[in-house]
Amino acid sequence: MGHFMQYTPYTIPLVIAAILASGVAAYAWKHRSIRSAVPFAILATAIAGWTLGYALQLTSVTLEAKRLFANFEYIGITIVPVAWLIFTVDFSNSDTWVSRRYLAWLMAIPTITIVLAWTDQHHGLVRTHEGLEDTGQFVLAITKFGPWFWVHAIYSYVLLVTGTVVIARFLIRSPPLYKRQAFLILASVLGPTFLNVIYLLKLSPFPNLDLTPFGFIIMGLASFWALHEFRLFDIV
């Protein structure tokens, strides 16, 4: 173990997930003339930031460094549910569900969460880093969630579920090509969501390891498949 950095077997998969998400973001941004491509690019960028932030947190040795990178993660963590909902609404032309004029309201809780995360040393409303766990190979931060963390978690899942319902409805009533696109999009979000539930409910065999970012590898691969095989932003 180095003085400032450490090797973990999880770093490379997380970096791969970040690269996949960055590639998806770049591809979507090239097609930004299509309405749904912009929120998809933002979604992928937020995922890349979240995943890379967690990779840096894991490779850090000191509690201060882990706290810093955890704060960077929260920028991506808070943006992902909002971007997901807006993308699903745009992709399925379901403007009756959520209008873009409500975007400022949708970002209210995420903005508060980011501010609280960066100042949580003073209040512990989002999370408290209680120390380090030495696994024998590397050290992990021991984190206790505060009350505002659960406010944001519930809010995020409301947005995620709403977006998932929008895509599911679109899948049911769409022609075959759109069904394939919608199915891949739907499948891509289920992996990280499932891992996040396991982490939040402390059902993971690695209680201090957040498995959610690893699910973004599945999401990245599914997204690339949708982009290249089913021309996600070429066929509208």
C-alpha atoms as a PDB file:
ATOM      1  CA  MET A   1       0.000   0.000   0.000  1.00  0.00           C
ATOM      2  CA  GLY A   2       1.360   3.372  -0.979  1.00  0.00           C
ATOM      3  CA  HIS A   3       1.293   6.377   1.250  1.00  0.00           C
ATOM      4  CA  PHE A   4      -1.422   8.195  -0.693  1.00  0.00           C
ATOM      5  CA  MET A   5      -2.874   5.598  -3.053  1.00  0.00           C
ATOM      6  CA  GLN A   6      -3.679   1.906  -2.907  1.00  0.00           C
ATOM      7  CA  TYR A   7      -4.461  -0.777  -5.438  1.00  0.00           C
ATOM      8  CA  THR A   8      -7.843  -2.484  -5.301  1.00  0.00           C
ATOM      9  CA  PRO A   9      -9.224  -5.162  -7.652  1.00  0.00           C
ATOM     10  CA  TYR A  10     -12.245  -2.898  -8.210  1.00  0.00           C
ATOM     11  CA  THR A  11     -10.395   0.040  -9.734  1.00  0.00           C
ATOM     12  CA  ILE A  12     -10.025  -1.308 -13.285  1.00  0.00           C
ATOM     13  CA  PRO A  13     -13.717  -2.314 -13.684  1.00  0.00           C
ATOM     14  CA  LEU A  14     -14.766   1.123 -12.441  1.00  0.00           C
ATOM     15  CA  VAL A  15     -12.412   2.882 -14.867  1.00  0.00           C
ATOM     16  CA  ILE A  16     -13.796   0.723 -17.708  1.00  0.00           C
ATOM     17  CA  ALA A  17     -17.345   1.718 -16.686  1.00  0.00           C
ATOM     18  CA  ALA A  18     -16.336   5.397 -16.677  1.00  0.00           C
ATOM     19  CA  ILE A  19     -14.774   5.077 -20.153  1.00  0.00           C
ATOM     20  CA  LEU A  20     -17.893   3.330 -21.495  1.00  0.00           C
ATOM     21  CA  ALA A  21     -20.132   6.039 -20.057  1.00  0.00           C
ATOM     22  CA  SER A  22     -17.894   8.781 -21.489  1.00  0.00           C
ATOM     23  CA  GLY A  23     -18.053   7.171 -24.932  1.00  0.00           C
ATOM     24  CA  VAL A  24     -21.841   6.951 -24.739  1.00  0.00           C
ATOM     25  CA  ALA A  25     -22.003  10.607 -23.647  1.00  0.00           C
ATOM     26  CA  ALA A  26     -19.817  11.721 -26.558  1.00  0.00           C
ATOM     27  CA  TYR A  27     -21.901   9.741 -29.059  1.00  0.00           C
ATOM     28  CA  ALA A  28     -25.152  11.141 -27.696  1.00  0.00           C
ATOM     29  CA  TRP A  29     -23.803  14.700 -27.730  1.00  0.00           C
ATOM     30  CA  LYS A  30     -22.912  14.328 -31.437  1.00  0.00           C
ATOM     31  CA  HIS A  31     -26.636  13.723 -32.005  1.00  0.00           C
ATOM     32  CA  ARG A  32     -27.778  16.583 -29.776  1.00  0.00           C
ATOM     33  CA  SER A  33     -30.078  17.904 -32.492  1.00  0.00           C
ATOM     34  CA  ILE A  34     -32.370  15.046 -31.421  1.00  0.00           C
ATOM     35  CA  ARG A  35     -34.274  16.067 -28.339  1.00  0.00           C
ATOM     36  CA  SER A  36     -33.676  12.962 -26.215  1.00  0.00           C
ATOM     37  CA  ALA A  37     -29.931  12.876 -26.960  1.00  0.00           C
ATOM     38  CA  VAL A  38     -29.080  15.840 -24.699  1.00  0.00           C
ATOM     39  CA  PRO A  39     -30.479  14.416 -21.434  1.00  0.00           C
ATOM     40  CA  PHE A  40     -28.973  11.048 -22.384  1.00  0.00           C
ATOM     41  CA  ALA A  41     -25.561  12.695 -22.785  1.00  0.00           C
ATOM     42  CA  ILE A  42     -26.001  14.404 -19.403  1.00  0.00           C
ATOM     43  CA  LEU A  43     -27.058  11.090 -17.850  1.00  0.00           C
ATOM     44  CA  ALA A  44     -23.990   9.289 -19.225  1.00  0.00           C
ATOM     45  CA  THR A  45     -21.672  12.129 -18.157  1.00  0.00           C
ATOM     46  CA  ALA A  46     -23.074  12.042 -14.621  1.00  0.00           C
ATOM     47  CA  ILE A  47     -22.570   8.265 -14.525  1.00  0.00           C
ATOM     48  CA  ALA A  48     -18.979   8.668 -15.718  1.00  0.00           C
ATOM     49  CA  GLY A  49     -18.322  11.241 -12.989  1.00  0.00           C
ATOM     50  CA  TRP A  50     -19.959   9.092 -10.312  1.00  0.00           C
ATOM     51  CA  THR A  51     -17.995   5.996 -11.359  1.00  0.00           C
ATOM     52  CA  LEU A  52     -14.646   7.752 -11.712  1.00  0.00           C
ATOM     53  CA  GLY A  53     -15.179   9.510  -8.379  1.00  0.00           C
ATOM     54  CA  TYR A  54     -15.781   6.164  -6.688  1.00  0.00           C
ATOM     55  CA  ALA A  55     -12.699   4.656  -8.330  1.00  0.00           C
ATOM     56  CA  LEU A  56     -10.601   7.522  -6.939  1.00  0.00           C
ATOM     57  CA  GLN A  57     -12.248   7.166  -3.550  1.00  0.00           C
ATOM     58  CA  LEU A  58     -11.359   3.470  -3.420  1.00  0.00           C
ATOM     59  CA  THR A  59      -7.736   4.090  -4.415  1.00  0.00           C
ATOM     60  CA  SER A  60      -7.354   6.803  -1.768  1.00  0.00           C
ATOM     61  CA  VAL A  61      -5.876   5.863   1.579  1.00  0.00           C
ATOM     62  CA  THR A  62      -6.740   8.750   3.893  1.00  0.00           C
ATOM     63  CA  LEU A  63     -10.198   9.533   5.208  1.00  0.00           C
ATOM     64  CA  GLU A  64      -9.867  13.146   4.039  1.00  0.00           C
ATOM     65  CA  ALA A  65      -9.196  12.071   0.435  1.00  0.00           C
ATOM     66  CA  LYS A  66     -12.039   9.547   0.503  1.00  0.00           C
ATOM     67  CA  ARG A  67     -14.389  12.257   1.765  1.00  0.00           C
ATOM     68  CA  LEU A  68     -13.282  14.640  -1.006  1.00  0.00           C
ATOM     69  CA  PHE A  69     -13.905  12.136  -3.807  1.00  0.00           C
ATOM     70  CA  ALA A  70     -17.199  11.095  -2.202  1.00  0.00           C
ATOM     71  CA  ASN A  71     -18.279  14.733  -2.478  1.00  0.00           C
ATOM     72  CA  PHE A  72     -17.440  14.721  -6.190  1.00  0.00           C
ATOM     73  CA  GLU A  73     -19.479  11.533  -6.573  1.00  0.00           C
ATOM     74  CA  TYR A  74     -22.550  13.293  -5.214  1.00  0.00           C
ATOM     75  CA  ILE A  75     -22.605  15.641  -8.209  1.00  0.00           C
ATOM     76  CA  GLY A  76     -23.173  12.639 -10.479  1.00  0.00           C
ATOM     77  CA  ILE A  77     -25.341  10.762  -7.976  1.00  0.00           C
ATOM     78  CA  THR A  78     -27.837  13.624  -7.735  1.00  0.00           C
ATOM     79  CA  ILE A  79     -27.979  14.348 -11.482  1.00  0.00           C
ATOM     80  CA  VAL A  80     -28.536  10.751 -12.647  1.00  0.00           C
ATOM     81  CA  PRO A  81     -32.209  10.336 -11.531  1.00  0.00           C
ATOM     82  CA  VAL A  82     -33.257  13.728 -12.948  1.00  0.00           C
ATOM     83  CA  ALA A  83     -31.482  13.127 -16.277  1.00  0.00           C
ATOM     84  CA  TRP A  84     -32.982   9.634 -16.467  1.00  0.00           C
ATOM     85  CA  LEU A  85     -36.523  10.930 -16.033  1.00  0.00           C
ATOM     86  CA  ILE A  86     -36.094  13.738 -18.578  1.00  0.00           C
ATOM     87  CA  PHE A  87     -34.532  11.337 -21.089  1.00  0.00           C
ATOM     88  CA  THR A  88     -37.359   8.807 -20.775  1.00  0.00           C
ATOM     89  CA  VAL A  89     -39.975  11.537 -21.166  1.00  0.00           C
ATOM     90  CA  ASP A  90     -38.240  12.976 -24.246  1.00  0.00           C
ATOM     91  CA  PHE A  91     -37.517   9.580 -25.801  1.00  0.00           C
ATOM     92  CA  SER A  92     -41.118   8.412 -25.472  1.00  0.00           C
ATOM     93  CA  ASN A  93     -42.684  11.811 -26.241  1.00  0.00           C
ATOM     94  CA  SER A  94     -44.505  11.698 -22.910  1.00  0.00           C
ATOM     95  CA  ASP A  95     -44.520  15.413 -22.190  1.00  0.00           C
ATOM     96  CA  THR A  96     -47.748  15.048 -20.255  1.00  0.00           C
ATOM     97  CA  TRP A  97     -45.751  13.300 -17.510  1.00  0.00           C
ATOM     98  CA  VAL A  98     -43.092  15.916 -16.898  1.00  0.00           C
ATOM     99  CA  SER A  99     -42.705  19.274 -18.591  1.00  0.00           C
ATOM    100  CA  ARG A 100     -39.250  20.804 -18.953  1.00  0.00           C
ATOM    101  CA  ARG A 101     -40.494  23.939 -17.253  1.00  0.00           C
ATOM    102  CA  TYR A 102     -40.443  21.908 -14.042  1.00  0.00           C
ATOM    103  CA  LEU A 103     -36.716  21.210 -14.413  1.00  0.00           C
ATOM    104  CA  ALA A 104     -35.763  23.824 -11.798  1.00  0.00           C
ATOM    105  CA  TRP A 105     -38.102  22.155  -9.315  1.00  0.00           C
ATOM    106  CA  LEU A 106     -36.749  18.711 -10.175  1.00  0.00           C
ATOM    107  CA  MET A 107     -33.225  19.946  -9.385  1.00  0.00           C
ATOM    108  CA  ALA A 108     -34.152  21.498  -6.022  1.00  0.00           C
ATOM    109  CA  ILE A 109     -33.500  18.449  -3.837  1.00  0.00           C
ATOM    110  CA  PRO A 110     -30.380  17.396  -5.798  1.00  0.00           C
ATOM    111  CA  THR A 111     -28.926  20.905  -5.419  1.00  0.00           C
ATOM    112  CA  ILE A 112     -29.590  20.913  -1.666  1.00  0.00           C
ATOM    113  CA  THR A 113     -28.038  17.435  -1.447  1.00  0.00           C
ATOM    114  CA  ILE A 114     -24.834  18.539  -3.186  1.00  0.00           C
ATOM    115  CA  VAL A 115     -24.469  21.530  -0.829  1.00  0.00           C
ATOM    116  CA  LEU A 116     -25.112  19.364   2.235  1.00  0.00           C
ATOM    117  CA  ALA A 117     -22.717  16.667   1.017  1.00  0.00           C
ATOM    118  CA  TRP A 118     -19.875  19.175   0.647  1.00  0.00           C
ATOM    119  CA  THR A 119     -20.552  20.573   4.133  1.00  0.00           C
ATOM    120  CA  ASP A 120     -21.479  17.355   5.934  1.00  0.00           C
ATOM    121  CA  GLN A 121     -18.490  17.547   8.264  1.00  0.00           C
ATOM    122  CA  HIS A 122     -20.396  20.300  10.065  1.00  0.00           C
ATOM    123  CA  HIS A 123     -23.788  18.598  10.366  1.00  0.00           C
ATOM    124  CA  GLY A 124     -23.715  14.953   9.214  1.00  0.00           C
ATOM    125  CA  LEU A 125     -27.089  15.286   7.476  1.00  0.00           C
ATOM    126  CA  VAL A 126     -25.978  13.358   4.372  1.00  0.00           C
ATOM    127  CA  ARG A 127     -23.395  10.968   5.735  1.00  0.00           C
ATOM    128  CA  THR A 128     -20.699  10.675   8.354  1.00  0.00           C
ATOM    129  CA  HIS A 129     -17.369   9.021   7.677  1.00  0.00           C
ATOM    130  CA  GLU A 130     -16.730   7.241  10.922  1.00  0.00           C
ATOM    131  CA  GLY A 131     -13.343   5.779  10.097  1.00  0.00           C
ATOM    132  CA  LEU A 132     -11.525   3.274   7.913  1.00  0.00           C
ATOM    133  CA  GLU A 133     -11.937  -0.488   7.565  1.00  0.00           C
ATOM    134  CA  ASP A 134      -8.749  -2.411   6.754  1.00  0.00           C
ATOM    135  CA  THR A 135      -9.695  -5.493   4.739  1.00  0.00           C
ATOM    136  CA  GLY A 136      -6.108  -6.748   4.745  1.00  0.00           C
ATOM    137  CA  GLN A 137      -5.596  -5.746   1.108  1.00  0.00           C
ATOM    138  CA  PHE A 138      -6.970  -2.194   1.084  1.00  0.00           C
ATOM    139  CA  VAL A 139      -8.913   0.225   3.257  1.00  0.00           C
ATOM    140  CA  LEU A 140     -12.536   1.304   2.856  1.00  0.00           C
ATOM    141  CA  ALA A 141     -14.363   4.229   4.405  1.00  0.00           C
ATOM    142  CA  ILE A 142     -16.962   3.324   7.019  1.00  0.00           C
ATOM    143  CA  THR A 143     -19.974   5.481   6.232  1.00  0.00           C
ATOM    144  CA  LYS A 144     -23.105   6.170   8.250  1.00  0.00           C
ATOM    145  CA  PHE A 145     -26.020   7.756   6.384  1.00  0.00           C
ATOM    146  CA  GLY A 146     -27.728  10.821   7.808  1.00  0.00           C
ATOM    147  CA  PRO A 147     -31.445  11.778   7.582  1.00  0.00           C
ATOM    148  CA  TRP A 148     -31.105  13.881   4.421  1.00  0.00           C
ATOM    149  CA  PHE A 149     -29.461  10.960   2.618  1.00  0.00           C
ATOM    150  CA  TRP A 150     -32.741   9.054   2.909  1.00  0.00           C
ATOM    151  CA  VAL A 151     -34.743  12.059   1.742  1.00  0.00           C
ATOM    152  CA  HIS A 152     -32.639  12.174  -1.408  1.00  0.00           C
ATOM    153  CA  ALA A 153     -32.685   8.371  -1.808  1.00  0.00           C
ATOM    154  CA  ILE A 154     -36.488   8.266  -1.707  1.00  0.00           C
ATOM    155  CA  TYR A 155     -36.717  11.216  -4.095  1.00  0.00           C
ATOM    156  CA  SER A 156     -34.255   9.561  -6.492  1.00  0.00           C
ATOM    157  CA  TYR A 157     -36.196   6.313  -6.525  1.00  0.00           C
ATOM    158  CA  VAL A 158     -39.438   8.158  -7.235  1.00  0.00           C
ATOM    159  CA  LEU A 159     -37.787   9.676 -10.332  1.00  0.00           C
ATOM    160  CA  LEU A 160     -36.193   6.369 -11.358  1.00  0.00           C
ATOM    161  CA  VAL A 161     -39.448   4.443 -11.015  1.00  0.00           C
ATOM    162  CA  THR A 162     -41.408   7.136 -12.862  1.00  0.00           C
ATOM    163  CA  GLY A 163     -38.919   7.080 -15.739  1.00  0.00           C
ATOM    164  CA  THR A 164     -39.011   3.289 -15.800  1.00  0.00           C
ATOM    165  CA  VAL A 165     -42.819   3.308 -15.999  1.00  0.00           C
ATOM    166  CA  VAL A 166     -42.633   5.802 -18.876  1.00  0.00           C
ATOM    167  CA  ILE A 167     -40.242   3.536 -20.805  1.00  0.00           C
ATOM    168  CA  ALA A 168     -42.298   0.436 -20.002  1.00  0.00           C
ATOM    169  CA  ARG A 169     -45.468   2.088 -21.338  1.00  0.00           C
ATOM    170  CA  PHE A 170     -43.581   3.136 -24.452  1.00  0.00           C
ATOM    171  CA  LEU A 171     -42.266  -0.411 -24.909  1.00  0.00           C
ATOM    172  CA  ILE A 172     -45.764  -1.885 -24.778  1.00  0.00           C
ATOM    173  CA  ARG A 173     -47.268   0.400 -27.423  1.00  0.00           C
ATOM    174  CA  SER A 174     -44.302   0.778 -29.819  1.00  0.00           C
ATOM    175  CA  PRO A 175     -43.457  -0.911 -33.141  1.00  0.00           C
ATOM    176  CA  PRO A 176     -40.795  -3.684 -33.048  1.00  0.00           C
ATOM    177  CA  LEU A 177     -37.672  -1.547 -33.618  1.00  0.00           C
ATOM    178  CA  TYR A 178     -38.634   0.878 -30.861  1.00  0.00           C
ATOM    179  CA  LYS A 179     -39.477  -2.053 -28.613  1.00  0.00           C
ATOM    180  CA  ARG A 180     -35.890  -3.297 -28.928  1.00  0.00           C
ATOM    181  CA  GLN A 181     -34.509   0.144 -28.145  1.00  0.00           C
ATOM    182  CA  ALA A 182     -36.821   0.609 -25.166  1.00  0.00           C
ATOM    183  CA  PHE A 183     -36.089  -2.888 -23.854  1.00  0.00           C
ATOM    184  CA  LEU A 184     -32.333  -2.276 -23.924  1.00  0.00           C
ATOM    185  CA  ILE A 185     -32.755   1.077 -22.187  1.00  0.00           C
ATOM    186  CA  LEU A 186     -34.977  -0.517 -19.554  1.00  0.00           C
ATOM    187  CA  ALA A 187     -32.615  -3.463 -19.042  1.00  0.00           C
ATOM    188  CA  SER A 188     -29.613  -1.147 -18.727  1.00  0.00           C
ATOM    189  CA  VAL A 189     -31.036   0.676 -15.703  1.00  0.00           C
ATOM    190  CA  LEU A 190     -32.108  -2.456 -13.815  1.00  0.00           C
ATOM    191  CA  GLY A 191     -28.549  -3.661 -13.108  1.00  0.00           C
ATOM    192  CA  PRO A 192     -27.247  -0.628 -11.205  1.00  0.00           C
ATOM    193  CA  THR A 193     -30.644  -0.128  -9.531  1.00  0.00           C
ATOM    194  CA  PHE A 194     -30.638  -3.682  -8.188  1.00  0.00           C
ATOM    195  CA  LEU A 195     -27.076  -3.296  -6.870  1.00  0.00           C
ATOM    196  CA  ASN A 196     -27.977   0.025  -5.275  1.00  0.00           C
ATOM    197  CA  VAL A 197     -30.901  -1.542  -3.399  1.00  0.00           C
ATOM    198  CA  ILE A 198     -28.598  -4.293  -2.128  1.00  0.00           C
ATOM    199  CA  TYR A 199     -26.117  -1.665  -0.923  1.00  0.00           C
ATOM    200  CA  LEU A 200     -28.699   0.562   0.768  1.00  0.00           C
ATOM    201  CA  LEU A 201     -30.362  -2.353   2.551  1.00  0.00           C
ATOM    202  CA  LYS A 202     -26.924  -3.645   3.644  1.00  0.00           C
ATOM    203  CA  LEU A 203     -27.532  -7.016   2.008  1.00  0.00           C
ATOM    204  CA  SER A 204     -24.170  -7.003   0.258  1.00  0.00           C
ATOM    205  CA  PRO A 205     -21.390  -9.332   1.425  1.00  0.00           C
ATOM    206  CA  PHE A 206     -19.181  -6.229   1.235  1.00  0.00           C
ATOM    207  CA  PRO A 207     -21.094  -3.798   3.508  1.00  0.00           C
ATOM    208  CA  ASN A 208     -18.706  -0.843   3.046  1.00  0.00           C
ATOM    209  CA  LEU A 209     -18.365  -1.301  -0.721  1.00  0.00           C
ATOM    210  CA  ASP A 210     -20.942   0.459  -2.913  1.00  0.00           C
ATOM    211  CA  LEU A 211     -21.755  -1.990  -5.702  1.00  0.00           C
ATOM    212  CA  THR A 212     -23.900   0.473  -7.685  1.00  0.00           C
ATOM    213  CA  PRO A 213     -21.141   1.880  -9.957  1.00  0.00           C
ATOM    214  CA  PHE A 214     -20.217  -1.645 -11.059  1.00  0.00           C
ATOM    215  CA  GLY A 215     -23.708  -1.995 -12.512  1.00  0.00           C
ATOM    216  CA  PHE A 216     -22.882   0.853 -14.872  1.00  0.00           C
ATOM    217  CA  ILE A 217     -20.673  -1.565 -16.830  1.00  0.00           C
ATOM    218  CA  ILE A 218     -23.870  -3.411 -17.798  1.00  0.00           C
ATOM    219  CA  MET A 219     -25.569  -0.097 -18.519  1.00  0.00           C
ATOM    220  CA  GLY A 220     -22.681   1.069 -20.715  1.00  0.00           C
ATOM    221  CA  LEU A 221     -22.620  -2.137 -22.745  1.00  0.00           C
ATOM    222  CA  ALA A 222     -26.403  -2.120 -23.205  1.00  0.00           C
ATOM    223  CA  SER A 223     -26.273   1.542 -24.233  1.00  0.00           C
ATOM    224  CA  PHE A 224     -23.574   0.885 -26.831  1.00  0.00           C
ATOM    225  CA  TRP A 225     -25.662  -1.961 -28.204  1.00  0.00           C
ATOM    226  CA  ALA A 226     -28.705   0.303 -28.458  1.00  0.00           C
ATOM    227  CA  LEU A 227     -26.647   3.061 -30.083  1.00  0.00           C
ATOM    228  CA  HIS A 228     -24.898   0.950 -32.690  1.00  0.00           C
ATOM    229  CA  GLU A 229     -27.176  -2.018 -33.372  1.00  0.00           C
ATOM    230  CA  PHE A 230     -30.528  -0.254 -33.101  1.00  0.00           C
ATOM    231  CA  ARG A 231     -29.382   3.292 -34.026  1.00  0.00           C
ATOM    232  CA  LEU A 232     -30.883   4.851 -30.916  1.00  0.00           C
ATOM    233  CA  PHE A 233     -30.465   8.458 -32.089  1.00  0.00           C
ATOM    234  CA  ASP A 234     -30.551   7.842 -35.846  1.00  0.00           C
ATOM    235  CA  ILE A 235     -34.121   6.539 -35.994  1.00  0.00           C
ATOM    236  CA  VAL A 236     -36.747   8.916 -34.667  1.00  0.00           C
END
